[in-house]
Amino acid sequence: YVPFASAQPIKQLWVSPSGNNANTGTSDSPFKTISAAMAKAAPGTAVMVKAGSYTDSVRMKSGAADKPVWLVSADGEGAAKITGSLASWPVIYGFGNDNVVIKGFDIVGGQEGIKLTQGGTRLANLADNIVVQDNEIYGQTIDGIKIAQARNAIVVGNTIHDIKGTNEAIDLFYTRKGIVSNNEIDNIQGQGGIVIKGGS
């Protein structure tokens, strides 16, 4: 069960290494950075990232229950490579963001490759309905994928390897109704491959 598997975007915003952030975001007039496109994404938007290398730290936007926000490697798995712009920050992240799909990227470096967690304190704004699918994630200093204070998080089909930090390939903390399936994990130098923590 992968949420949004049959959903279709109502709008696309395109990103290319040869783009310009002053462009309109169409396929013929793409943005240059993923963050610039994501900042303009409304529920039902797919941010389509063309093949190439990007250096960024991307904050996800929230979708709606029937209209997620997608972040997609448009030319297939691994065609778009994102290297974290800050060693002390995740490459892709969100705080209390709901209804999101992150699919098909080569994600390098950063503190975490993908981190999605609550938007407040004391479980006041959980992250709901998250799909992390078909990404290759490596070179992080803490976790490959961290999902915390979340409900219905689906982590499926990812390859996670060569995590240099002290923690995990996949770290789930206080996560309800999640599925972790068909991930390939190798050469984790921290505490474990998949660690499911308190309250999950």
N, C-alpha and C. Protein backbone atom coordinates (compact mmCIF):
# COMPACT_ATOMS: atom_id res chain seq x y z
N TYR A 1 0.84 -1.19 0.00
CA TYR A 1 0.00 0.00 0.00
C TYR A 1 0.88 1.23 0.00
N VAL A 2 0.87 1.98 -1.09
CA VAL A 2 1.61 3.23 -1.19
C VAL A 2 0.59 4.34 -1.44
N PRO A 3 0.43 5.26 -0.50
CA PRO A 3 -0.53 6.36 -0.72
C PRO A 3 -0.20 7.14 -1.98
N PHE A 4 -1.23 7.63 -2.61
CA PHE A 4 -1.11 8.51 -3.78
C PHE A 4 -0.61 7.79 -5.03
N ALA A 5 -0.55 6.46 -5.02
CA ALA A 5 -0.02 5.73 -6.17
C ALA A 5 -0.84 6.01 -7.43
N SER A 6 -2.13 6.25 -7.28
CA SER A 6 -2.98 6.52 -8.44
C SER A 6 -3.31 7.99 -8.61
N ALA A 7 -2.78 8.85 -7.74
CA ALA A 7 -3.08 10.28 -7.85
C ALA A 7 -2.33 10.89 -9.03
N GLN A 8 -2.90 11.92 -9.59
CA GLN A 8 -2.30 12.63 -10.72
C GLN A 8 -2.14 14.11 -10.37
N PRO A 9 -0.97 14.68 -10.66
CA PRO A 9 -0.79 16.10 -10.35
C PRO A 9 -1.69 16.98 -11.22
N ILE A 10 -2.08 18.11 -10.67
CA ILE A 10 -2.86 19.08 -11.43
C ILE A 10 -1.97 20.19 -11.99
N LYS A 11 -0.71 20.21 -11.55
CA LYS A 11 0.25 21.19 -12.04
C LYS A 11 1.65 20.62 -11.93
N GLN A 12 2.52 21.01 -12.84
CA GLN A 12 3.92 20.63 -12.79
C GLN A 12 4.79 21.88 -12.79
N LEU A 13 5.82 21.83 -11.96
CA LEU A 13 6.86 22.86 -11.97
C LEU A 13 8.18 22.16 -12.28
N TRP A 14 8.92 22.69 -13.24
CA TRP A 14 10.11 22.01 -13.74
C TRP A 14 11.38 22.70 -13.27
N VAL A 15 12.43 21.86 -13.08
CA VAL A 15 13.73 22.34 -12.65
C VAL A 15 14.79 21.72 -13.55
N SER A 16 15.78 22.52 -13.93
CA SER A 16 16.88 22.04 -14.77
C SER A 16 18.17 22.75 -14.35
N PRO A 17 19.32 22.06 -14.46
CA PRO A 17 20.59 22.74 -14.17
C PRO A 17 20.83 23.95 -15.06
N SER A 18 20.21 23.97 -16.23
CA SER A 18 20.38 25.10 -17.15
C SER A 18 19.27 26.14 -17.02
N GLY A 19 18.41 25.99 -16.01
CA GLY A 19 17.29 26.91 -15.84
C GLY A 19 17.68 28.21 -15.17
N ASN A 20 16.64 28.96 -14.82
CA ASN A 20 16.84 30.26 -14.17
C ASN A 20 15.70 30.45 -13.19
N ASN A 21 16.00 30.89 -11.99
CA ASN A 21 14.94 31.05 -10.99
C ASN A 21 13.99 32.19 -11.30
N ALA A 22 14.29 32.99 -12.31
CA ALA A 22 13.36 34.01 -12.78
C ALA A 22 12.40 33.47 -13.83
N ASN A 23 12.57 32.22 -14.23
CA ASN A 23 11.70 31.61 -15.24
C ASN A 23 10.33 31.29 -14.65
N THR A 24 9.44 30.78 -15.52
CA THR A 24 8.06 30.52 -15.12
C THR A 24 7.84 29.13 -14.56
N GLY A 25 8.80 28.21 -14.75
CA GLY A 25 8.67 26.87 -14.19
C GLY A 25 8.04 25.85 -15.13
N THR A 26 7.80 26.22 -16.39
CA THR A 26 7.34 25.23 -17.36
C THR A 26 8.52 24.38 -17.80
N SER A 27 8.24 23.32 -18.55
CA SER A 27 9.31 22.46 -19.03
C SER A 27 10.28 23.23 -19.93
N ASP A 28 9.75 24.17 -20.70
CA ASP A 28 10.59 24.97 -21.59
C ASP A 28 11.21 26.18 -20.90
N SER A 29 10.75 26.50 -19.69
CA SER A 29 11.26 27.65 -18.94
C SER A 29 11.44 27.25 -17.48
N PRO A 30 12.36 26.30 -17.22
CA PRO A 30 12.46 25.72 -15.87
C PRO A 30 13.20 26.61 -14.89
N PHE A 31 12.96 26.34 -13.61
CA PHE A 31 13.75 26.96 -12.56
C PHE A 31 15.13 26.31 -12.53
N LYS A 32 16.06 26.99 -11.87
CA LYS A 32 17.41 26.45 -11.74
C LYS A 32 17.58 25.62 -10.47
N THR A 33 16.92 26.02 -9.39
CA THR A 33 17.08 25.30 -8.13
C THR A 33 15.76 24.62 -7.73
N ILE A 34 15.92 23.51 -7.04
CA ILE A 34 14.75 22.78 -6.57
C ILE A 34 14.00 23.60 -5.52
N SER A 35 14.73 24.29 -4.66
CA SER A 35 14.08 25.09 -3.62
C SER A 35 13.19 26.18 -4.21
N ALA A 36 13.62 26.78 -5.31
CA ALA A 36 12.81 27.83 -5.93
C ALA A 36 11.49 27.27 -6.44
N ALA A 37 11.53 26.09 -7.02
CA ALA A 37 10.29 25.47 -7.48
C ALA A 37 9.41 25.04 -6.31
N MET A 38 10.02 24.42 -5.30
CA MET A 38 9.23 23.95 -4.16
C MET A 38 8.55 25.10 -3.44
N ALA A 39 9.18 26.26 -3.39
CA ALA A 39 8.58 27.41 -2.73
C ALA A 39 7.27 27.83 -3.38
N LYS A 40 7.09 27.50 -4.64
CA LYS A 40 5.88 27.86 -5.38
C LYS A 40 4.88 26.71 -5.49
N ALA A 41 5.18 25.56 -4.89
CA ALA A 41 4.33 24.38 -5.03
C ALA A 41 3.11 24.47 -4.11
N ALA A 42 1.93 24.31 -4.71
CA ALA A 42 0.68 24.24 -3.97
C ALA A 42 0.22 22.78 -3.96
N PRO A 43 -0.77 22.42 -3.13
CA PRO A 43 -1.28 21.05 -3.17
C PRO A 43 -1.66 20.63 -4.58
N GLY A 44 -1.24 19.42 -4.94
CA GLY A 44 -1.49 18.91 -6.28
C GLY A 44 -0.38 19.19 -7.27
N THR A 45 0.73 19.77 -6.80
CA THR A 45 1.85 20.13 -7.68
C THR A 45 2.92 19.05 -7.65
N ALA A 46 3.45 18.72 -8.82
CA ALA A 46 4.62 17.86 -8.93
C ALA A 46 5.81 18.72 -9.33
N VAL A 47 6.84 18.75 -8.49
CA VAL A 47 8.09 19.40 -8.84
C VAL A 47 8.93 18.37 -9.58
N MET A 48 9.11 18.60 -10.88
CA MET A 48 9.75 17.65 -11.79
C MET A 48 11.18 18.10 -12.03
N VAL A 49 12.14 17.31 -11.55
CA VAL A 49 13.54 17.71 -11.58
C VAL A 49 14.25 16.96 -12.71
N LYS A 50 14.71 17.72 -13.69
CA LYS A 50 15.37 17.11 -14.84
C LYS A 50 16.74 16.55 -14.46
N ALA A 51 17.24 15.65 -15.29
CA ALA A 51 18.53 14.99 -15.03
C ALA A 51 19.63 16.02 -14.85
N GLY A 52 20.53 15.71 -13.93
CA GLY A 52 21.66 16.59 -13.68
C GLY A 52 21.99 16.64 -12.21
N SER A 53 22.96 17.47 -11.86
CA SER A 53 23.44 17.60 -10.49
C SER A 53 23.00 18.93 -9.90
N TYR A 54 22.54 18.88 -8.66
CA TYR A 54 22.06 20.05 -7.94
C TYR A 54 22.70 20.08 -6.56
N THR A 55 22.97 21.26 -6.06
CA THR A 55 23.41 21.44 -4.68
C THR A 55 22.35 22.28 -3.99
N ASP A 56 21.70 21.70 -2.97
CA ASP A 56 20.53 22.36 -2.40
C ASP A 56 20.22 21.77 -1.04
N SER A 57 19.39 22.46 -0.30
CA SER A 57 18.74 21.95 0.90
C SER A 57 17.27 22.29 0.74
N VAL A 58 16.44 21.30 0.50
CA VAL A 58 15.08 21.50 -0.01
C VAL A 58 14.07 21.30 1.11
N ARG A 59 13.31 22.33 1.42
CA ARG A 59 12.22 22.19 2.38
C ARG A 59 10.93 21.87 1.65
N MET A 60 10.32 20.77 2.00
CA MET A 60 9.08 20.34 1.35
C MET A 60 7.91 21.25 1.73
N LYS A 61 6.96 21.35 0.82
CA LYS A 61 5.68 21.98 1.09
C LYS A 61 4.64 20.89 1.34
N SER A 62 3.56 21.23 2.01
CA SER A 62 2.49 20.27 2.28
C SER A 62 1.50 20.21 1.13
N GLY A 63 0.99 19.00 0.91
CA GLY A 63 -0.14 18.82 0.02
C GLY A 63 -1.42 18.68 0.81
N ALA A 64 -2.47 18.19 0.14
CA ALA A 64 -3.75 17.88 0.76
C ALA A 64 -3.98 16.38 0.68
N ALA A 65 -4.99 15.90 1.39
CA ALA A 65 -5.24 14.47 1.49
C ALA A 65 -5.41 13.81 0.12
N ASP A 66 -6.01 14.53 -0.82
CA ASP A 66 -6.20 13.99 -2.17
C ASP A 66 -5.31 14.68 -3.20
N LYS A 67 -4.47 15.60 -2.76
CA LYS A 67 -3.60 16.36 -3.67
C LYS A 67 -2.24 16.53 -3.00
N PRO A 68 -1.38 15.52 -3.06
CA PRO A 68 -0.07 15.65 -2.43
C PRO A 68 0.82 16.64 -3.18
N VAL A 69 1.97 16.91 -2.61
CA VAL A 69 3.06 17.57 -3.32
C VAL A 69 4.12 16.52 -3.61
N TRP A 70 4.46 16.39 -4.88
CA TRP A 70 5.48 15.43 -5.31
C TRP A 70 6.80 16.14 -5.55
N LEU A 71 7.90 15.45 -5.22
CA LEU A 71 9.24 15.84 -5.64
C LEU A 71 9.80 14.63 -6.37
N VAL A 72 10.01 14.78 -7.70
CA VAL A 72 10.25 13.62 -8.56
C VAL A 72 11.48 13.83 -9.44
N SER A 73 12.32 12.81 -9.52
CA SER A 73 13.38 12.78 -10.52
C SER A 73 12.73 12.46 -11.86
N ALA A 74 12.56 13.48 -12.69
CA ALA A 74 11.69 13.39 -13.86
C ALA A 74 12.20 12.41 -14.93
N ASP A 75 13.50 12.21 -15.00
CA ASP A 75 14.06 11.36 -16.05
C ASP A 75 14.42 9.96 -15.57
N GLY A 76 13.85 9.57 -14.43
CA GLY A 76 14.05 8.22 -13.93
C GLY A 76 14.90 8.17 -12.68
N GLU A 77 14.93 6.98 -12.07
CA GLU A 77 15.63 6.81 -10.81
C GLU A 77 17.11 7.17 -10.94
N GLY A 78 17.56 8.04 -10.06
CA GLY A 78 18.97 8.41 -10.01
C GLY A 78 19.41 9.41 -11.04
N ALA A 79 18.52 9.84 -11.95
CA ALA A 79 18.93 10.79 -12.99
C ALA A 79 19.20 12.17 -12.42
N ALA A 80 18.47 12.55 -11.38
CA ALA A 80 18.69 13.83 -10.71
C ALA A 80 19.42 13.57 -9.40
N LYS A 81 20.56 14.23 -9.24
CA LYS A 81 21.40 14.05 -8.05
C LYS A 81 21.39 15.33 -7.23
N ILE A 82 21.05 15.20 -5.94
CA ILE A 82 21.04 16.36 -5.05
C ILE A 82 22.12 16.15 -4.00
N THR A 83 23.07 17.06 -3.94
CA THR A 83 24.09 17.06 -2.91
C THR A 83 23.74 18.14 -1.90
N GLY A 84 23.78 17.79 -0.63
CA GLY A 84 23.41 18.74 0.41
C GLY A 84 24.28 19.98 0.39
N SER A 85 23.66 21.14 0.49
CA SER A 85 24.40 22.39 0.47
C SER A 85 24.99 22.74 1.83
N LEU A 86 24.47 22.10 2.89
CA LEU A 86 24.95 22.35 4.25
C LEU A 86 25.24 21.01 4.92
N ALA A 87 26.46 20.85 5.41
CA ALA A 87 26.81 19.59 6.07
C ALA A 87 26.02 19.38 7.36
N SER A 88 25.55 20.46 7.97
CA SER A 88 24.85 20.37 9.25
C SER A 88 23.33 20.39 9.10
N TRP A 89 22.82 20.14 7.90
CA TRP A 89 21.38 20.22 7.66
C TRP A 89 20.98 19.10 6.71
N PRO A 90 19.71 18.66 6.75
CA PRO A 90 19.29 17.60 5.81
C PRO A 90 19.30 18.09 4.36
N VAL A 91 19.36 17.14 3.44
CA VAL A 91 19.28 17.48 2.01
C VAL A 91 17.84 17.81 1.64
N ILE A 92 16.89 16.97 2.06
CA ILE A 92 15.46 17.20 1.86
C ILE A 92 14.80 17.09 3.23
N TYR A 93 13.95 18.06 3.59
CA TYR A 93 13.41 18.04 4.95
C TYR A 93 12.04 18.69 5.01
N GLY A 94 11.37 18.48 6.14
CA GLY A 94 10.11 19.12 6.41
C GLY A 94 9.77 19.02 7.88
N PHE A 95 9.06 20.01 8.38
CA PHE A 95 8.62 20.04 9.78
C PHE A 95 7.10 20.19 9.79
N GLY A 96 6.42 19.11 10.11
CA GLY A 96 4.96 19.13 10.12
C GLY A 96 4.33 19.13 8.74
N ASN A 97 5.10 18.77 7.73
CA ASN A 97 4.56 18.74 6.37
C ASN A 97 3.82 17.44 6.12
N ASP A 98 2.63 17.54 5.52
CA ASP A 98 1.77 16.39 5.27
C ASP A 98 1.60 16.15 3.77
N ASN A 99 1.30 14.89 3.43
CA ASN A 99 0.91 14.53 2.06
C ASN A 99 2.00 14.89 1.06
N VAL A 100 3.15 14.22 1.22
CA VAL A 100 4.30 14.48 0.35
C VAL A 100 4.84 13.17 -0.21
N VAL A 101 5.40 13.27 -1.41
CA VAL A 101 6.04 12.14 -2.08
C VAL A 101 7.43 12.59 -2.53
N ILE A 102 8.45 11.82 -2.19
CA ILE A 102 9.84 12.09 -2.62
C ILE A 102 10.31 10.84 -3.35
N LYS A 103 10.60 10.98 -4.64
CA LYS A 103 10.77 9.77 -5.44
C LYS A 103 11.89 9.88 -6.46
N GLY A 104 12.81 8.91 -6.40
CA GLY A 104 13.71 8.64 -7.51
C GLY A 104 15.04 9.36 -7.52
N PHE A 105 15.46 9.99 -6.41
CA PHE A 105 16.65 10.82 -6.42
C PHE A 105 17.90 10.08 -5.98
N ASP A 106 19.03 10.61 -6.40
CA ASP A 106 20.35 10.27 -5.87
C ASP A 106 20.66 11.39 -4.87
N ILE A 107 20.72 11.05 -3.58
CA ILE A 107 20.82 12.04 -2.52
C ILE A 107 22.12 11.83 -1.76
N VAL A 108 22.97 12.86 -1.75
CA VAL A 108 24.33 12.73 -1.25
C VAL A 108 24.60 13.73 -0.13
N GLY A 109 25.20 13.26 0.97
CA GLY A 109 25.70 14.14 2.00
C GLY A 109 24.63 14.71 2.89
N GLY A 110 24.97 15.79 3.57
CA GLY A 110 24.07 16.40 4.53
C GLY A 110 24.09 15.64 5.86
N GLN A 111 23.42 16.22 6.83
CA GLN A 111 23.29 15.56 8.13
C GLN A 111 22.38 14.34 8.02
N GLU A 112 21.24 14.51 7.34
CA GLU A 112 20.37 13.41 6.93
C GLU A 112 20.10 13.56 5.44
N GLY A 113 19.85 12.44 4.77
CA GLY A 113 19.45 12.54 3.38
C GLY A 113 18.04 13.09 3.26
N ILE A 114 17.11 12.49 4.01
CA ILE A 114 15.72 12.94 4.08
C ILE A 114 15.32 12.95 5.54
N LYS A 115 14.77 14.07 6.00
CA LYS A 115 14.28 14.17 7.38
C LYS A 115 12.91 14.82 7.37
N LEU A 116 11.90 14.11 7.87
CA LEU A 116 10.55 14.63 7.97
C LEU A 116 10.07 14.36 9.39
N THR A 117 9.65 15.43 10.07
CA THR A 117 9.29 15.30 11.48
C THR A 117 8.21 16.31 11.83
N GLN A 118 7.86 16.36 13.12
CA GLN A 118 6.79 17.24 13.58
C GLN A 118 7.14 18.71 13.37
N GLY A 119 6.11 19.53 13.34
CA GLY A 119 6.30 20.96 13.13
C GLY A 119 6.26 21.78 14.39
N GLY A 120 6.16 21.13 15.53
CA GLY A 120 6.12 21.85 16.80
C GLY A 120 6.77 21.00 17.87
N THR A 121 6.21 21.05 19.07
CA THR A 121 6.70 20.23 20.17
C THR A 121 5.53 19.46 20.76
N ARG A 122 5.86 18.43 21.52
CA ARG A 122 4.86 17.64 22.24
C ARG A 122 3.78 17.06 21.31
N LEU A 123 4.21 16.66 20.12
CA LEU A 123 3.34 15.96 19.17
C LEU A 123 2.14 16.81 18.74
N ALA A 124 2.35 18.12 18.64
CA ALA A 124 1.25 19.02 18.31
C ALA A 124 0.99 19.10 16.82
N ASN A 125 1.98 18.82 15.99
CA ASN A 125 1.82 18.96 14.54
C ASN A 125 2.62 17.86 13.85
N LEU A 126 2.04 16.66 13.82
CA LEU A 126 2.74 15.51 13.26
C LEU A 126 2.84 15.63 11.74
N ALA A 127 3.79 14.90 11.18
CA ALA A 127 3.92 14.80 9.72
C ALA A 127 3.12 13.58 9.27
N ASP A 128 2.12 13.78 8.43
CA ASP A 128 1.21 12.71 8.02
C ASP A 128 1.32 12.40 6.53
N ASN A 129 1.16 11.12 6.20
CA ASN A 129 1.04 10.66 4.81
C ASN A 129 2.28 11.03 3.99
N ILE A 130 3.35 10.30 4.26
CA ILE A 130 4.65 10.54 3.65
C ILE A 130 5.04 9.32 2.83
N VAL A 131 5.52 9.56 1.61
CA VAL A 131 6.06 8.49 0.78
C VAL A 131 7.50 8.84 0.40
N VAL A 132 8.42 7.96 0.75
CA VAL A 132 9.84 8.09 0.36
C VAL A 132 10.16 6.83 -0.43
N GLN A 133 10.33 6.97 -1.74
CA GLN A 133 10.34 5.81 -2.64
C GLN A 133 11.44 5.89 -3.69
N ASP A 134 12.16 4.78 -3.85
CA ASP A 134 13.08 4.58 -4.99
C ASP A 134 14.21 5.60 -5.05
N ASN A 135 14.72 6.00 -3.89
CA ASN A 135 15.87 6.90 -3.83
C ASN A 135 17.14 6.13 -3.50
N GLU A 136 18.28 6.66 -3.93
CA GLU A 136 19.58 6.17 -3.47
C GLU A 136 20.18 7.25 -2.59
N ILE A 137 20.54 6.86 -1.35
CA ILE A 137 20.91 7.83 -0.33
C ILE A 137 22.23 7.38 0.30
N TYR A 138 23.21 8.28 0.36
CA TYR A 138 24.52 7.88 0.89
C TYR A 138 25.34 9.10 1.30
N GLY A 139 26.32 8.84 2.18
CA GLY A 139 27.26 9.87 2.57
C GLY A 139 26.78 10.81 3.65
N GLN A 140 25.73 10.46 4.39
CA GLN A 140 25.22 11.34 5.44
C GLN A 140 26.04 11.15 6.73
N THR A 141 25.94 12.16 7.63
CA THR A 141 26.69 12.10 8.88
C THR A 141 25.85 11.65 10.07
N ILE A 142 24.52 11.54 9.91
CA ILE A 142 23.68 11.02 10.99
C ILE A 142 22.80 9.88 10.46
N ASP A 143 21.74 10.18 9.72
CA ASP A 143 20.82 9.16 9.21
C ASP A 143 20.66 9.28 7.70
N GLY A 144 20.39 8.16 7.06
CA GLY A 144 19.99 8.20 5.66
C GLY A 144 18.60 8.78 5.53
N ILE A 145 17.62 8.14 6.19
CA ILE A 145 16.23 8.62 6.23
C ILE A 145 15.81 8.68 7.68
N LYS A 146 15.32 9.84 8.11
CA LYS A 146 14.76 9.97 9.46
C LYS A 146 13.32 10.43 9.35
N ILE A 147 12.41 9.61 9.89
CA ILE A 147 11.00 9.96 9.98
C ILE A 147 10.64 9.95 11.46
N ALA A 148 10.18 11.06 11.97
CA ALA A 148 9.89 11.16 13.40
C ALA A 148 8.59 11.92 13.63
N GLN A 149 7.87 11.50 14.69
CA GLN A 149 6.59 12.13 15.03
C GLN A 149 5.70 12.21 13.79
N ALA A 150 5.42 11.04 13.23
CA ALA A 150 4.70 10.98 11.95
C ALA A 150 3.65 9.86 11.98
N ARG A 151 2.72 9.96 11.06
CA ARG A 151 1.72 8.91 10.86
C ARG A 151 1.66 8.56 9.38
N ASN A 152 1.57 7.25 9.13
CA ASN A 152 1.42 6.74 7.76
C ASN A 152 2.60 7.15 6.88
N ALA A 153 3.81 6.79 7.32
CA ALA A 153 5.02 7.03 6.55
C ALA A 153 5.41 5.75 5.83
N ILE A 154 5.55 5.84 4.52
CA ILE A 154 5.88 4.68 3.68
C ILE A 154 7.30 4.88 3.14
N VAL A 155 8.20 3.97 3.50
CA VAL A 155 9.60 4.02 3.07
C VAL A 155 9.85 2.75 2.28
N VAL A 156 9.89 2.86 0.95
CA VAL A 156 9.86 1.66 0.12
C VAL A 156 10.79 1.80 -1.08
N GLY A 157 11.56 0.74 -1.34
CA GLY A 157 12.34 0.66 -2.57
C GLY A 157 13.58 1.52 -2.61
N ASN A 158 14.06 1.98 -1.45
CA ASN A 158 15.24 2.84 -1.42
C ASN A 158 16.52 2.01 -1.26
N THR A 159 17.62 2.56 -1.74
CA THR A 159 18.95 1.99 -1.52
C THR A 159 19.73 2.97 -0.67
N ILE A 160 20.19 2.51 0.49
CA ILE A 160 20.87 3.38 1.45
C ILE A 160 22.20 2.73 1.80
N HIS A 161 23.29 3.46 1.63
CA HIS A 161 24.59 2.85 1.85
C HIS A 161 25.62 3.91 2.26
N ASP A 162 26.69 3.43 2.85
CA ASP A 162 27.83 4.28 3.21
C ASP A 162 27.42 5.49 4.03
N ILE A 163 26.63 5.23 5.08
CA ILE A 163 26.30 6.27 6.05
C ILE A 163 27.48 6.39 7.00
N LYS A 164 28.06 7.58 7.07
CA LYS A 164 29.31 7.78 7.79
C LYS A 164 29.10 8.12 9.26
N GLY A 165 27.87 8.40 9.65
CA GLY A 165 27.63 8.92 10.99
C GLY A 165 27.40 7.85 12.02
N THR A 166 26.84 8.26 13.15
CA THR A 166 26.70 7.38 14.30
C THR A 166 25.33 6.75 14.42
N ASN A 167 24.41 7.05 13.53
CA ASN A 167 23.05 6.57 13.71
C ASN A 167 22.66 5.50 12.69
N GLU A 168 21.61 5.71 11.89
CA GLU A 168 21.01 4.60 11.14
C GLU A 168 20.80 4.92 9.66
N ALA A 169 20.56 3.84 8.91
CA ALA A 169 20.12 4.01 7.53
C ALA A 169 18.69 4.53 7.51
N ILE A 170 17.80 3.87 8.24
CA ILE A 170 16.40 4.30 8.37
C ILE A 170 16.09 4.40 9.86
N ASP A 171 15.69 5.56 10.30
CA ASP A 171 15.44 5.84 11.71
C ASP A 171 13.99 6.30 11.85
N LEU A 172 13.19 5.50 12.54
CA LEU A 172 11.79 5.85 12.77
C LEU A 172 11.59 6.08 14.26
N PHE A 173 11.07 7.25 14.62
CA PHE A 173 10.85 7.59 16.02
C PHE A 173 9.42 8.11 16.17
N TYR A 174 8.66 7.48 17.08
CA TYR A 174 7.26 7.84 17.30
C TYR A 174 6.52 7.97 15.95
N THR A 175 6.54 6.89 15.20
CA THR A 175 5.90 6.86 13.89
C THR A 175 4.82 5.78 13.88
N ARG A 176 3.62 6.16 13.55
CA ARG A 176 2.46 5.26 13.61
C ARG A 176 2.02 4.84 12.21
N LYS A 177 1.60 3.59 12.08
CA LYS A 177 1.01 3.06 10.84
C LYS A 177 1.95 3.17 9.65
N GLY A 178 3.23 2.98 9.90
CA GLY A 178 4.19 3.07 8.81
C GLY A 178 4.47 1.73 8.17
N ILE A 179 5.09 1.78 6.99
CA ILE A 179 5.55 0.58 6.29
C ILE A 179 6.98 0.84 5.82
N VAL A 180 7.88 -0.07 6.16
CA VAL A 180 9.24 -0.05 5.64
C VAL A 180 9.42 -1.35 4.87
N SER A 181 9.64 -1.25 3.55
CA SER A 181 9.60 -2.45 2.71
C SER A 181 10.55 -2.33 1.53
N ASN A 182 11.21 -3.45 1.21
CA ASN A 182 11.99 -3.57 -0.03
C ASN A 182 13.08 -2.52 -0.17
N ASN A 183 13.71 -2.18 0.94
CA ASN A 183 14.86 -1.28 0.91
C ASN A 183 16.14 -2.11 0.96
N GLU A 184 17.18 -1.62 0.29
CA GLU A 184 18.47 -2.28 0.31
C GLU A 184 19.45 -1.42 1.10
N ILE A 185 20.10 -2.01 2.11
CA ILE A 185 20.93 -1.26 3.05
C ILE A 185 22.29 -1.92 3.14
N ASP A 186 23.37 -1.09 3.08
CA ASP A 186 24.72 -1.66 3.08
C ASP A 186 25.71 -0.66 3.67
N ASN A 187 26.67 -1.17 4.42
CA ASN A 187 27.80 -0.39 4.95
C ASN A 187 27.34 0.79 5.79
N ILE A 188 26.59 0.47 6.84
CA ILE A 188 26.14 1.48 7.80
C ILE A 188 27.09 1.45 8.98
N GLN A 189 27.74 2.57 9.27
CA GLN A 189 28.78 2.59 10.29
C GLN A 189 28.26 2.95 11.67
N GLY A 190 26.96 3.22 11.79
CA GLY A 190 26.39 3.65 13.06
C GLY A 190 25.71 2.52 13.81
N GLN A 191 24.52 2.81 14.35
CA GLN A 191 23.85 1.89 15.26
C GLN A 191 23.10 0.76 14.56
N GLY A 192 22.65 0.96 13.32
CA GLY A 192 21.92 -0.11 12.69
C GLY A 192 21.38 0.25 11.33
N GLY A 193 20.84 -0.76 10.67
CA GLY A 193 20.24 -0.56 9.36
C GLY A 193 18.88 0.09 9.46
N ILE A 194 17.96 -0.56 10.22
CA ILE A 194 16.62 -0.02 10.45
C ILE A 194 16.41 -0.03 11.96
N VAL A 195 16.13 1.13 12.53
CA VAL A 195 15.90 1.23 13.96
C VAL A 195 14.54 1.89 14.17
N ILE A 196 13.68 1.20 14.93
CA ILE A 196 12.33 1.68 15.21
C ILE A 196 12.29 2.01 16.69
N LYS A 197 12.04 3.29 17.00
CA LYS A 197 12.25 3.79 18.35
C LYS A 197 10.94 4.09 19.08
N GLY A 198 11.08 4.69 20.24
CA GLY A 198 10.01 4.88 21.20
C GLY A 198 8.70 5.40 20.61
N GLY A 199 7.63 4.74 20.99
CA GLY A 199 6.29 5.17 20.59
C GLY A 199 5.86 4.70 19.22
N SER A 200 6.74 4.02 18.48
CA SER A 200 6.37 3.58 17.12
C SER A 200 5.53 2.30 17.21
